[in-house]
């Protein structure tokens, strides 16, 4: 699957906003730059769905996760202002996904990954 995904080609995405994703994280929202980029993104996503079907998805880059048991809760107004400020700094920037660089990895946590071997 990795070698097939590598052949999909680059996918150019445009940053649209920084937002609160499902009350668990802060993410940069992305949209494909063109119809061709959209098609390549869906083809690549379809390959991963063959392993773990996930249905609809929101193209994004996760910037941070919230601590579920924070001793000091987030202040909604401050979070909102922070998201607006971050949005101003990224909106309109282009991100290019390069499937040719994909590698298979195992992970035991969001901080610990190791090579799965193979192509």
PDB file of N, CA and C in Angstrom:
ATOM      1  N   UNK A   1       0.813  -1.190   0.000  1.00  0.00           N
ATOM      2  CA  UNK A   1       0.000   0.000   0.000  1.00  0.00           C
ATOM      3  C   UNK A   1       0.870   1.273   0.000  1.00  0.00           C
ATOM      4  N   UNK A   2       1.958   1.253   0.751  1.00  0.00           N
ATOM      5  CA  UNK A   2       2.830   2.436   0.815  1.00  0.00           C
ATOM      6  C   UNK A   2       3.369   2.757  -0.576  1.00  0.00           C
ATOM      7  N   UNK A   3       3.834   1.743  -1.297  1.00  0.00           N
ATOM      8  CA  UNK A   3       4.392   2.016  -2.623  1.00  0.00           C
ATOM      9  C   UNK A   3       3.314   2.536  -3.573  1.00  0.00           C
ATOM     10  N   UNK A   4       2.088   2.049  -3.455  1.00  0.00           N
ATOM     11  CA  UNK A   4       0.988   2.560  -4.279  1.00  0.00           C
ATOM     12  C   UNK A   4       0.689   4.007  -3.914  1.00  0.00           C
ATOM     13  N   UNK A   5       0.667   4.305  -2.630  1.00  0.00           N
ATOM     14  CA  UNK A   5       0.392   5.676  -2.180  1.00  0.00           C
ATOM     15  C   UNK A   5       1.477   6.637  -2.644  1.00  0.00           C
ATOM     16  N   UNK A   6       2.720   6.173  -2.672  1.00  0.00           N
ATOM     17  CA  UNK A   6       3.817   7.034  -3.123  1.00  0.00           C
ATOM     18  C   UNK A   6       3.617   7.499  -4.565  1.00  0.00           C
ATOM     19  N   UNK A   7       2.919   6.682  -5.356  1.00  0.00           N
ATOM     20  CA  UNK A   7       2.700   7.009  -6.762  1.00  0.00           C
ATOM     21  C   UNK A   7       1.548   7.984  -7.006  1.00  0.00           C
ATOM     22  N   UNK A   8       0.820   8.344  -5.968  1.00  0.00           N
ATOM     23  CA  UNK A   8      -0.335   9.244  -6.114  1.00  0.00           C
ATOM     24  C   UNK A   8       0.091  10.617  -6.631  1.00  0.00           C
ATOM     25  N   UNK A   9       1.230  11.070  -6.200  1.00  0.00           N
ATOM     26  CA  UNK A   9       1.708  12.406  -6.585  1.00  0.00           C
ATOM     27  C   UNK A   9       1.444  13.423  -5.496  1.00  0.00           C
ATOM     28  N   UNK A  10       2.145  14.544  -5.569  1.00  0.00           N
ATOM     29  CA  UNK A  10       2.003  15.599  -4.566  1.00  0.00           C
ATOM     30  C   UNK A  10       0.577  16.127  -4.519  1.00  0.00           C
ATOM     31  N   UNK A  11       0.172  16.525  -3.307  1.00  0.00           N
ATOM     32  CA  UNK A  11      -1.147  17.121  -3.088  1.00  0.00           C
ATOM     33  C   UNK A  11      -0.924  18.491  -2.463  1.00  0.00           C
ATOM     34  N   UNK A  12      -1.349  19.535  -3.172  1.00  0.00           N
ATOM     35  CA  UNK A  12      -1.211  20.894  -2.655  1.00  0.00           C
ATOM     36  C   UNK A  12      -2.487  21.276  -1.919  1.00  0.00           C
ATOM     37  N   UNK A  13      -2.295  21.809  -0.698  1.00  0.00           N
ATOM     38  CA  UNK A  13      -3.427  22.193   0.146  1.00  0.00           C
ATOM     39  C   UNK A  13      -3.240  23.629   0.617  1.00  0.00           C
ATOM     40  N   UNK A  14      -4.355  24.301   0.800  1.00  0.00           N
ATOM     41  CA  UNK A  14      -4.356  25.688   1.241  1.00  0.00           C
ATOM     42  C   UNK A  14      -4.828  25.745   2.689  1.00  0.00           C
ATOM     43  N   UNK A  15      -4.103  26.464   3.536  1.00  0.00           N
ATOM     44  CA  UNK A  15      -4.498  26.650   4.936  1.00  0.00           C
ATOM     45  C   UNK A  15      -5.674  27.617   4.995  1.00  0.00           C
ATOM     46  N   UNK A  16      -6.712  27.242   5.720  1.00  0.00           N
ATOM     47  CA  UNK A  16      -7.921  28.070   5.780  1.00  0.00           C
ATOM     48  C   UNK A  16      -8.157  28.704   7.133  1.00  0.00           C
ATOM     49  N   UNK A  17      -7.818  27.996   8.207  1.00  0.00           N
ATOM     50  CA  UNK A  17      -8.081  28.513   9.551  1.00  0.00           C
ATOM     51  C   UNK A  17      -7.385  27.639  10.577  1.00  0.00           C
ATOM     52  N   UNK A  18      -7.308  28.154  11.784  1.00  0.00           N
ATOM     53  CA  UNK A  18      -6.879  27.362  12.932  1.00  0.00           C
ATOM     54  C   UNK A  18      -8.112  27.249  13.818  1.00  0.00           C
ATOM     55  N   UNK A  19      -8.456  26.004  14.200  1.00  0.00           N
ATOM     56  CA  UNK A  19      -9.728  25.816  14.896  1.00  0.00           C
ATOM     57  C   UNK A  19      -9.638  24.747  15.973  1.00  0.00           C
ATOM     58  N   UNK A  20     -10.668  24.739  16.804  1.00  0.00           N
ATOM     59  CA  UNK A  20     -10.837  23.768  17.869  1.00  0.00           C
ATOM     60  C   UNK A  20     -11.454  22.526  17.234  1.00  0.00           C
ATOM     61  N   UNK A  21     -10.710  21.420  17.201  1.00  0.00           N
ATOM     62  CA  UNK A  21     -11.192  20.191  16.565  1.00  0.00           C
ATOM     63  C   UNK A  21     -11.766  19.264  17.629  1.00  0.00           C
ATOM     64  N   UNK A  22     -13.062  19.135  17.648  1.00  0.00           N
ATOM     65  CA  UNK A  22     -13.791  18.214  18.524  1.00  0.00           C
ATOM     66  C   UNK A  22     -13.481  18.403  20.005  1.00  0.00           C
ATOM     67  N   UNK A  23     -13.165  19.619  20.407  1.00  0.00           N
ATOM     68  CA  UNK A  23     -12.857  19.930  21.802  1.00  0.00           C
ATOM     69  C   UNK A  23     -11.727  19.083  22.386  1.00  0.00           C
ATOM     70  N   UNK A  24     -10.825  18.638  21.507  1.00  0.00           N
ATOM     71  CA  UNK A  24      -9.687  17.845  21.984  1.00  0.00           C
ATOM     72  C   UNK A  24      -8.351  18.380  21.490  1.00  0.00           C
ATOM     73  N   UNK A  25      -8.378  19.228  20.453  1.00  0.00           N
ATOM     74  CA  UNK A  25      -7.116  19.671  19.872  1.00  0.00           C
ATOM     75  C   UNK A  25      -7.286  20.962  19.084  1.00  0.00           C
ATOM     76  N   UNK A  26      -6.145  21.550  18.754  1.00  0.00           N
ATOM     77  CA  UNK A  26      -6.092  22.721  17.883  1.00  0.00           C
ATOM     78  C   UNK A  26      -5.508  22.243  16.557  1.00  0.00           C
ATOM     79  N   UNK A  27      -6.169  22.605  15.459  1.00  0.00           N
ATOM     80  CA  UNK A  27      -5.747  22.119  14.148  1.00  0.00           C
ATOM     81  C   UNK A  27      -5.795  23.226  13.111  1.00  0.00           C
ATOM     82  N   UNK A  28      -4.980  23.065  12.062  1.00  0.00           N
ATOM     83  CA  UNK A  28      -5.022  23.942  10.897  1.00  0.00           C
ATOM     84  C   UNK A  28      -5.911  23.242   9.867  1.00  0.00           C
ATOM     85  N   UNK A  29      -6.963  23.920   9.429  1.00  0.00           N
ATOM     86  CA  UNK A  29      -7.833  23.375   8.395  1.00  0.00           C
ATOM     87  C   UNK A  29      -7.197  23.535   7.024  1.00  0.00           C
ATOM     88  N   UNK A  30      -7.398  22.537   6.166  1.00  0.00           N
ATOM     89  CA  UNK A  30      -6.797  22.526   4.832  1.00  0.00           C
ATOM     90  C   UNK A  30      -7.850  22.216   3.777  1.00  0.00           C
ATOM     91  N   UNK A  31      -7.710  22.827   2.606  1.00  0.00           N
ATOM     92  CA  UNK A  31      -8.539  22.486   1.448  1.00  0.00           C
ATOM     93  C   UNK A  31      -7.619  22.310   0.248  1.00  0.00           C
ATOM     94  N   UNK A  32      -7.963  21.374  -0.634  1.00  0.00           N
ATOM     95  CA  UNK A  32      -7.144  21.182  -1.832  1.00  0.00           C
ATOM     96  C   UNK A  32      -7.116  22.456  -2.681  1.00  0.00           C
ATOM     97  N   UNK A  33      -5.963  22.725  -3.285  1.00  0.00           N
ATOM     98  CA  UNK A  33      -5.798  23.911  -4.126  1.00  0.00           C
ATOM     99  C   UNK A  33      -6.590  23.783  -5.425  1.00  0.00           C
ATOM    100  N   UNK A  34      -6.679  22.571  -5.973  1.00  0.00           N
ATOM    101  CA  UNK A  34      -7.356  22.372  -7.259  1.00  0.00           C
ATOM    102  C   UNK A  34      -8.179  21.083  -7.229  1.00  0.00           C
ATOM    103  N   UNK A  35      -8.986  20.885  -8.257  1.00  0.00           N
ATOM    104  CA  UNK A  35      -9.745  19.647  -8.378  1.00  0.00           C
ATOM    105  C   UNK A  35      -8.808  18.451  -8.494  1.00  0.00           C
ATOM    106  N   UNK A  36      -7.698  18.599  -9.205  1.00  0.00           N
ATOM    107  CA  UNK A  36      -6.724  17.511  -9.326  1.00  0.00           C
ATOM    108  C   UNK A  36      -6.116  17.164  -7.971  1.00  0.00           C
ATOM    109  N   UNK A  37      -5.799  18.189  -7.171  1.00  0.00           N
ATOM    110  CA  UNK A  37      -5.271  17.943  -5.829  1.00  0.00           C
ATOM    111  C   UNK A  37      -6.313  17.228  -4.975  1.00  0.00           C
ATOM    112  N   UNK A  38      -7.558  17.624  -5.110  1.00  0.00           N
ATOM    113  CA  UNK A  38      -8.647  16.989  -4.369  1.00  0.00           C
ATOM    114  C   UNK A  38      -8.757  15.510  -4.738  1.00  0.00           C
ATOM    115  N   UNK A  39      -8.676  15.219  -6.013  1.00  0.00           N
ATOM    116  CA  UNK A  39      -8.755  13.837  -6.477  1.00  0.00           C
ATOM    117  C   UNK A  39      -7.596  13.009  -5.913  1.00  0.00           C
ATOM    118  N   UNK A  40      -6.377  13.554  -5.954  1.00  0.00           N
ATOM    119  CA  UNK A  40      -5.216  12.827  -5.419  1.00  0.00           C
ATOM    120  C   UNK A  40      -5.359  12.600  -3.905  1.00  0.00           C
ATOM    121  N   UNK A  41      -5.886  13.600  -3.213  1.00  0.00           N
ATOM    122  CA  UNK A  41      -6.098  13.465  -1.772  1.00  0.00           C
ATOM    123  C   UNK A  41      -7.083  12.339  -1.477  1.00  0.00           C
ATOM    124  N   UNK A  42      -8.177  12.278  -2.222  1.00  0.00           N
ATOM    125  CA  UNK A  42      -9.175  11.229  -2.005  1.00  0.00           C
ATOM    126  C   UNK A  42      -8.643   9.847  -2.388  1.00  0.00           C
ATOM    127  N   UNK A  43      -7.835   9.777  -3.428  1.00  0.00           N
ATOM    128  CA  UNK A  43      -7.227   8.498  -3.808  1.00  0.00           C
ATOM    129  C   UNK A  43      -6.305   8.018  -2.678  1.00  0.00           C
ATOM    130  N   UNK A  44      -5.462   8.912  -2.173  1.00  0.00           N
ATOM    131  CA  UNK A  44      -4.543   8.551  -1.095  1.00  0.00           C
ATOM    132  C   UNK A  44      -5.311   8.146   0.162  1.00  0.00           C
ATOM    133  N   UNK A  45      -6.325   8.907   0.508  1.00  0.00           N
ATOM    134  CA  UNK A  45      -7.121   8.592   1.698  1.00  0.00           C
ATOM    135  C   UNK A  45      -7.806   7.233   1.533  1.00  0.00           C
ATOM    136  N   UNK A  46      -8.280   6.946   0.327  1.00  0.00           N
ATOM    137  CA  UNK A  46      -8.925   5.668   0.053  1.00  0.00           C
ATOM    138  C   UNK A  46      -8.006   4.489   0.300  1.00  0.00           C
ATOM    139  N   UNK A  47      -6.731   4.659   0.010  1.00  0.00           N
ATOM    140  CA  UNK A  47      -5.762   3.589   0.260  1.00  0.00           C
ATOM    141  C   UNK A  47      -5.659   3.280   1.752  1.00  0.00           C
ATOM    142  N   UNK A  48      -5.626   4.311   2.579  1.00  0.00           N
ATOM    143  CA  UNK A  48      -5.556   4.093   4.023  1.00  0.00           C
ATOM    144  C   UNK A  48      -6.869   3.527   4.558  1.00  0.00           C
ATOM    145  N   UNK A  49      -7.987   3.936   3.952  1.00  0.00           N
ATOM    146  CA  UNK A  49      -9.286   3.405   4.380  1.00  0.00           C
ATOM    147  C   UNK A  49      -9.419   1.917   4.102  1.00  0.00           C
ATOM    148  N   UNK A  50      -8.601   1.384   3.203  1.00  0.00           N
ATOM    149  CA  UNK A  50      -8.607  -0.063   2.967  1.00  0.00           C
ATOM    150  C   UNK A  50      -8.096  -0.814   4.198  1.00  0.00           C
ATOM    151  N   UNK A  51      -7.265  -0.159   4.995  1.00  0.00           N
ATOM    152  CA  UNK A  51      -6.722  -0.782   6.206  1.00  0.00           C
ATOM    153  C   UNK A  51      -7.614  -0.494   7.405  1.00  0.00           C
ATOM    154  N   UNK A  52      -7.941   0.780   7.607  1.00  0.00           N
ATOM    155  CA  UNK A  52      -8.790   1.199   8.712  1.00  0.00           C
ATOM    156  C   UNK A  52      -9.853   2.142   8.149  1.00  0.00           C
ATOM    157  N   UNK A  53     -11.038   1.608   7.813  1.00  0.00           N
ATOM    158  CA  UNK A  53     -12.091   2.475   7.270  1.00  0.00           C
ATOM    159  C   UNK A  53     -12.460   3.561   8.279  1.00  0.00           C
ATOM    160  N   UNK A  54     -12.481   4.803   7.805  1.00  0.00           N
ATOM    161  CA  UNK A  54     -12.761   5.899   8.730  1.00  0.00           C
ATOM    162  C   UNK A  54     -13.851   6.840   8.238  1.00  0.00           C
ATOM    163  N   UNK A  55     -14.374   6.597   7.056  1.00  0.00           N
ATOM    164  CA  UNK A  55     -15.465   7.447   6.574  1.00  0.00           C
ATOM    165  C   UNK A  55     -15.002   8.848   6.233  1.00  0.00           C
ATOM    166  N   UNK A  56     -15.891   9.802   6.453  1.00  0.00           N
ATOM    167  CA  UNK A  56     -15.586  11.197   6.123  1.00  0.00           C
ATOM    168  C   UNK A  56     -14.409  11.692   6.958  1.00  0.00           C
ATOM    169  N   UNK A  57     -13.660  12.631   6.406  1.00  0.00           N
ATOM    170  CA  UNK A  57     -12.522  13.164   7.136  1.00  0.00           C
ATOM    171  C   UNK A  57     -12.414  14.666   6.917  1.00  0.00           C
ATOM    172  N   UNK A  58     -11.722  15.311   7.830  1.00  0.00           N
ATOM    173  CA  UNK A  58     -11.449  16.743   7.762  1.00  0.00           C
ATOM    174  C   UNK A  58      -9.956  16.905   7.541  1.00  0.00           C
ATOM    175  N   UNK A  59      -9.532  17.295   6.331  1.00  0.00           N
ATOM    176  CA  UNK A  59      -8.096  17.494   6.130  1.00  0.00           C
ATOM    177  C   UNK A  59      -7.572  18.561   7.101  1.00  0.00           C
ATOM    178  N   UNK A  60      -6.569  18.189   7.887  1.00  0.00           N
ATOM    179  CA  UNK A  60      -6.035  19.106   8.890  1.00  0.00           C
ATOM    180  C   UNK A  60      -4.641  18.685   9.323  1.00  0.00           C
ATOM    181  N   UNK A  61      -3.978  19.597  10.008  1.00  0.00           N
ATOM    182  CA  UNK A  61      -2.719  19.327  10.686  1.00  0.00           C
ATOM    183  C   UNK A  61      -2.959  19.640  12.149  1.00  0.00           C
ATOM    184  N   UNK A  62      -2.765  18.660  13.021  1.00  0.00           N
ATOM    185  CA  UNK A  62      -2.957  18.888  14.452  1.00  0.00           C
ATOM    186  C   UNK A  62      -1.743  19.624  15.006  1.00  0.00           C
ATOM    187  N   UNK A  63      -2.007  20.730  15.681  1.00  0.00           N
ATOM    188  CA  UNK A  63      -0.934  21.523  16.283  1.00  0.00           C
ATOM    189  C   UNK A  63      -0.718  21.177  17.750  1.00  0.00           C
ATOM    190  N   UNK A  64      -1.805  20.861  18.448  1.00  0.00           N
ATOM    191  CA  UNK A  64      -1.704  20.587  19.886  1.00  0.00           C
ATOM    192  C   UNK A  64      -2.948  19.842  20.355  1.00  0.00           C
ATOM    193  N   UNK A  65      -2.771  19.055  21.407  1.00  0.00           N
ATOM    194  CA  UNK A  65      -3.881  18.381  22.065  1.00  0.00           C
ATOM    195  C   UNK A  65      -4.134  19.041  23.405  1.00  0.00           C
ATOM    196  N   UNK A  66      -5.399  19.065  23.819  1.00  0.00           N
ATOM    197  CA  UNK A  66      -5.726  19.592  25.137  1.00  0.00           C
ATOM    198  C   UNK A  66      -5.460  18.519  26.182  1.00  0.00           C
ATOM    199  N   UNK A  67      -5.047  18.958  27.327  1.00  0.00           N
ATOM    200  CA  UNK A  67      -4.877  18.029  28.441  1.00  0.00           C
ATOM    201  C   UNK A  67      -6.272  17.753  29.005  1.00  0.00           C
ATOM    202  N   UNK A  68      -6.716  16.489  28.998  1.00  0.00           N
ATOM    203  CA  UNK A  68      -8.092  16.204  29.402  1.00  0.00           C
ATOM    204  C   UNK A  68      -8.400  16.523  30.854  1.00  0.00           C
ATOM    205  N   UNK A  69      -7.395  16.513  31.704  1.00  0.00           N
ATOM    206  CA  UNK A  69      -7.630  16.768  33.132  1.00  0.00           C
ATOM    207  C   UNK A  69      -6.860  18.006  33.603  1.00  0.00           C
ATOM    208  N   UNK A  70      -6.886  19.040  32.785  1.00  0.00           N
ATOM    209  CA  UNK A  70      -6.132  20.260  33.120  1.00  0.00           C
ATOM    210  C   UNK A  70      -6.580  20.814  34.466  1.00  0.00           C
ATOM    211  N   UNK A  71      -5.612  21.234  35.277  1.00  0.00           N
ATOM    212  CA  UNK A  71      -5.945  21.801  36.586  1.00  0.00           C
ATOM    213  C   UNK A  71      -6.544  23.191  36.444  1.00  0.00           C
ATOM    214  N   UNK A  72      -6.180  23.880  35.354  1.00  0.00           N
ATOM    215  CA  UNK A  72      -6.740  25.195  35.073  1.00  0.00           C
ATOM    216  C   UNK A  72      -7.456  25.107  33.725  1.00  0.00           C
ATOM    217  N   UNK A  73      -8.785  25.264  33.716  1.00  0.00           N
ATOM    218  CA  UNK A  73      -9.512  25.135  32.444  1.00  0.00           C
ATOM    219  C   UNK A  73      -9.160  26.248  31.458  1.00  0.00           C
ATOM    220  N   UNK A  74      -9.304  25.935  30.176  1.00  0.00           N
ATOM    221  CA  UNK A  74      -9.097  26.944  29.140  1.00  0.00           C
ATOM    222  C   UNK A  74     -10.161  28.031  29.260  1.00  0.00           C
ATOM    223  N   UNK A  75      -9.748  29.260  29.068  1.00  0.00           N
ATOM    224  CA  UNK A  75     -10.693  30.372  29.058  1.00  0.00           C
ATOM    225  C   UNK A  75     -11.225  30.499  27.637  1.00  0.00           C
ATOM    226  N   UNK A  76     -12.541  30.288  27.426  1.00  0.00           N
ATOM    227  CA  UNK A  76     -13.077  30.294  26.063  1.00  0.00           C
ATOM    228  C   UNK A  76     -12.725  31.547  25.257  1.00  0.00           C
ATOM    229  N   UNK A  77     -12.809  32.724  25.853  1.00  0.00           N
ATOM    230  CA  UNK A  77     -12.514  33.962  25.117  1.00  0.00           C
ATOM    231  C   UNK A  77     -11.037  34.007  24.709  1.00  0.00           C
ATOM    232  N   UNK A  78     -10.155  33.574  25.589  1.00  0.00           N
ATOM    233  CA  UNK A  78      -8.727  33.575  25.280  1.00  0.00           C
ATOM    234  C   UNK A  78      -8.422  32.552  24.184  1.00  0.00           C
ATOM    235  N   UNK A  79      -9.035  31.378  24.267  1.00  0.00           N
ATOM    236  CA  UNK A  79      -8.844  30.369  23.223  1.00  0.00           C
ATOM    237  C   UNK A  79      -9.332  30.900  21.877  1.00  0.00           C
ATOM    238  N   UNK A  80     -10.491  31.518  21.877  1.00  0.00           N
ATOM    239  CA  UNK A  80     -11.047  32.069  20.638  1.00  0.00           C
ATOM    240  C   UNK A  80     -10.119  33.112  20.031  1.00  0.00           C
ATOM    241  N   UNK A  81      -9.609  34.020  20.841  1.00  0.00           N
ATOM    242  CA  UNK A  81      -8.693  35.050  20.351  1.00  0.00           C
ATOM    243  C   UNK A  81      -7.392  34.432  19.844  1.00  0.00           C
ATOM    244  N   UNK A  82      -6.901  33.430  20.535  1.00  0.00           N
ATOM    245  CA  UNK A  82      -5.681  32.748  20.111  1.00  0.00           C
ATOM    246  C   UNK A  82      -5.884  32.082  18.758  1.00  0.00           C
ATOM    247  N   UNK A  83      -7.023  31.410  18.574  1.00  0.00           N
ATOM    248  CA  UNK A  83      -7.318  30.760  17.299  1.00  0.00           C
ATOM    249  C   UNK A  83      -7.420  31.787  16.174  1.00  0.00           C
ATOM    250  N   UNK A  84      -8.038  32.934  16.451  1.00  0.00           N
ATOM    251  CA  UNK A  84      -8.127  33.999  15.441  1.00  0.00           C
ATOM    252  C   UNK A  84      -6.747  34.517  15.065  1.00  0.00           C
ATOM    253  N   UNK A  85      -5.888  34.736  16.048  1.00  0.00           N
ATOM    254  CA  UNK A  85      -4.528  35.228  15.793  1.00  0.00           C
ATOM    255  C   UNK A  85      -3.736  34.202  14.982  1.00  0.00           C
ATOM    256  N   UNK A  86      -3.847  32.934  15.356  1.00  0.00           N
ATOM    257  CA  UNK A  86      -3.145  31.891  14.613  1.00  0.00           C
ATOM    258  C   UNK A  86      -3.671  31.775  13.187  1.00  0.00           C
ATOM    259  N   UNK A  87      -4.980  31.923  13.017  1.00  0.00           N
ATOM    260  CA  UNK A  87      -5.571  31.873  11.677  1.00  0.00           C
ATOM    261  C   UNK A  87      -4.978  32.961  10.800  1.00  0.00           C
ATOM    262  N   UNK A  88      -4.865  34.164  11.332  1.00  0.00           N
ATOM    263  CA  UNK A  88      -4.296  35.275  10.558  1.00  0.00           C
ATOM    264  C   UNK A  88      -2.886  34.953  10.081  1.00  0.00           C
ATOM    265  N   UNK A  89      -2.148  34.165  10.855  1.00  0.00           N
ATOM    266  CA  UNK A  89      -0.758  33.882  10.492  1.00  0.00           C
ATOM    267  C   UNK A  89      -0.618  32.758   9.468  1.00  0.00           C
ATOM    268  N   UNK A  90      -1.662  31.929   9.283  1.00  0.00           N
ATOM    269  CA  UNK A  90      -1.528  30.801   8.351  1.00  0.00           C
ATOM    270  C   UNK A  90      -2.453  30.867   7.142  1.00  0.00           C
ATOM    271  N   UNK A  91      -3.533  31.613   7.225  1.00  0.00           N
ATOM    272  CA  UNK A  91      -4.522  31.610   6.146  1.00  0.00           C
ATOM    273  C   UNK A  91      -3.857  31.972   4.813  1.00  0.00           C
ATOM    274  N   UNK A  92      -4.149  31.173   3.797  1.00  0.00           N
ATOM    275  CA  UNK A  92      -3.610  31.418   2.469  1.00  0.00           C
ATOM    276  C   UNK A  92      -2.279  30.749   2.179  1.00  0.00           C
ATOM    277  N   UNK A  93      -1.620  30.225   3.213  1.00  0.00           N
ATOM    278  CA  UNK A  93      -0.348  29.533   2.976  1.00  0.00           C
ATOM    279  C   UNK A  93      -0.616  28.154   2.371  1.00  0.00           C
ATOM    280  N   UNK A  94       0.300  27.686   1.553  1.00  0.00           N
ATOM    281  CA  UNK A  94       0.164  26.393   0.896  1.00  0.00           C
ATOM    282  C   UNK A  94       1.034  25.350   1.591  1.00  0.00           C
ATOM    283  N   UNK A  95       0.466  24.165   1.742  1.00  0.00           N
ATOM    284  CA  UNK A  95       1.178  23.006   2.279  1.00  0.00           C
ATOM    285  C   UNK A  95       1.162  21.947   1.188  1.00  0.00           C
ATOM    286  N   UNK A  96       2.291  21.313   0.941  1.00  0.00           N
ATOM    287  CA  UNK A  96       2.343  20.247  -0.062  1.00  0.00           C
ATOM    288  C   UNK A  96       2.605  18.919   0.616  1.00  0.00           C
ATOM    289  N   UNK A  97       1.666  17.986   0.434  1.00  0.00           N
ATOM    290  CA  UNK A  97       1.863  16.619   0.913  1.00  0.00           C
ATOM    291  C   UNK A  97       2.645  15.878  -0.165  1.00  0.00           C
ATOM    292  N   UNK A  98       3.681  15.184   0.219  1.00  0.00           N
ATOM    293  CA  UNK A  98       4.550  14.505  -0.730  1.00  0.00           C
ATOM    294  C   UNK A  98       4.538  13.004  -0.437  1.00  0.00           C
ATOM    295  N   UNK A  99       3.588  12.267  -1.020  1.00  0.00           N
ATOM    296  CA  UNK A  99       3.487  10.835  -0.753  1.00  0.00           C
ATOM    297  C   UNK A  99       4.760  10.052  -1.076  1.00  0.00           C
ATOM    298  N   UNK A 100       5.592  10.560  -1.965  1.00  0.00           N
ATOM    299  CA  UNK A 100       6.832   9.862  -2.298  1.00  0.00           C
ATOM    300  C   UNK A 100       7.718   9.672  -1.062  1.00  0.00           C
ATOM    301  N   UNK A 101       7.478  10.459  -0.019  1.00  0.00           N
ATOM    302  CA  UNK A 101       8.290  10.381   1.194  1.00  0.00           C
ATOM    303  C   UNK A 101       7.664   9.507   2.286  1.00  0.00           C
ATOM    304  N   UNK A 102       6.517   8.882   2.000  1.00  0.00           N
ATOM    305  CA  UNK A 102       5.832   8.064   3.008  1.00  0.00           C
ATOM    306  C   UNK A 102       6.696   6.916   3.503  1.00  0.00           C
ATOM    307  N   UNK A 103       6.565   6.619   4.800  1.00  0.00           N
ATOM    308  CA  UNK A 103       7.197   5.458   5.412  1.00  0.00           C
ATOM    309  C   UNK A 103       6.174   4.802   6.334  1.00  0.00           C
ATOM    310  N   UNK A 104       6.263   3.502   6.466  1.00  0.00           N
ATOM    311  CA  UNK A 104       5.400   2.779   7.400  1.00  0.00           C
ATOM    312  C   UNK A 104       6.034   2.826   8.787  1.00  0.00           C
ATOM    313  N   UNK A 105       5.250   3.226   9.778  1.00  0.00           N
ATOM    314  CA  UNK A 105       5.740   3.319  11.146  1.00  0.00           C
ATOM    315  C   UNK A 105       4.781   2.614  12.099  1.00  0.00           C
ATOM    316  N   UNK A 106       5.326   2.060  13.163  1.00  0.00           N
ATOM    317  CA  UNK A 106       4.544   1.579  14.296  1.00  0.00           C
ATOM    318  C   UNK A 106       4.625   2.675  15.347  1.00  0.00           C
ATOM    319  N   UNK A 107       3.647   2.723  16.244  1.00  0.00           N
ATOM    320  CA  UNK A 107       3.773   3.663  17.350  1.00  0.00           C
ATOM    321  C   UNK A 107       3.123   3.089  18.599  1.00  0.00           C
ATOM    322  N   UNK A 108       3.672   3.477  19.747  1.00  0.00           N
ATOM    323  CA  UNK A 108       3.121   3.056  21.029  1.00  0.00           C
ATOM    324  C   UNK A 108       2.475   4.230  21.748  1.00  0.00           C
ATOM    325  N   UNK A 109       2.775   5.439  21.285  1.00  0.00           N
ATOM    326  CA  UNK A 109       2.154   6.647  21.822  1.00  0.00           C
ATOM    327  C   UNK A 109       2.341   7.735  20.774  1.00  0.00           C
ATOM    328  N   UNK A 110       1.747   8.886  20.997  1.00  0.00           N
ATOM    329  CA  UNK A 110       1.889   9.990  20.049  1.00  0.00           C
ATOM    330  C   UNK A 110       3.320  10.532  20.035  1.00  0.00           C
ATOM    331  N   UNK A 111       4.155  10.073  20.958  1.00  0.00           N
ATOM    332  CA  UNK A 111       5.538  10.543  21.017  1.00  0.00           C
ATOM    333  C   UNK A 111       6.552   9.472  20.650  1.00  0.00           C
ATOM    334  N   UNK A 112       6.114   8.218  20.468  1.00  0.00           N
ATOM    335  CA  UNK A 112       7.059   7.135  20.223  1.00  0.00           C
ATOM    336  C   UNK A 112       6.683   6.359  18.967  1.00  0.00           C
ATOM    337  N   UNK A 113       7.522   6.501  17.942  1.00  0.00           N
ATOM    338  CA  UNK A 113       7.317   5.832  16.650  1.00  0.00           C
ATOM    339  C   UNK A 113       8.581   5.079  16.287  1.00  0.00           C
ATOM    340  N   UNK A 114       8.449   3.965  15.545  1.00  0.00           N
ATOM    341  CA  UNK A 114       9.611   3.279  15.005  1.00  0.00           C
ATOM    342  C   UNK A 114       9.261   2.683  13.658  1.00  0.00           C
ATOM    343  N   UNK A 115      10.291   2.466  12.849  1.00  0.00           N
ATOM    344  CA  UNK A 115      10.143   1.988  11.480  1.00  0.00           C
ATOM    345  C   UNK A 115       9.485   0.609  11.459  1.00  0.00           C
ATOM    346  N   UNK A 116       8.484   0.449  10.581  1.00  0.00           N
ATOM    347  CA  UNK A 116       7.797  -0.836  10.447  1.00  0.00           C
ATOM    348  C   UNK A 116       8.495  -1.754   9.453  1.00  0.00           C
ATOM    349  N   UNK A 117       9.509  -1.234   8.777  1.00  0.00           N
ATOM    350  CA  UNK A 117      10.242  -2.029   7.793  1.00  0.00           C
ATOM    351  C   UNK A 117       9.454  -2.154   6.488  1.00  0.00           C
ATOM    352  N   UNK A 118      10.022  -2.848   5.551  1.00  0.00           N
ATOM    353  CA  UNK A 118       9.368  -3.014   4.264  1.00  0.00           C
ATOM    354  C   UNK A 118       9.447  -1.758   3.426  1.00  0.00           C
ATOM    355  N   UNK A 119       8.789  -1.817   2.256  1.00  0.00           N
ATOM    356  CA  UNK A 119       8.842  -0.694   1.313  1.00  0.00           C
ATOM    357  C   UNK A 119       7.929   0.354   1.763  1.00  0.00           C
TER     358      UNK A 119
END
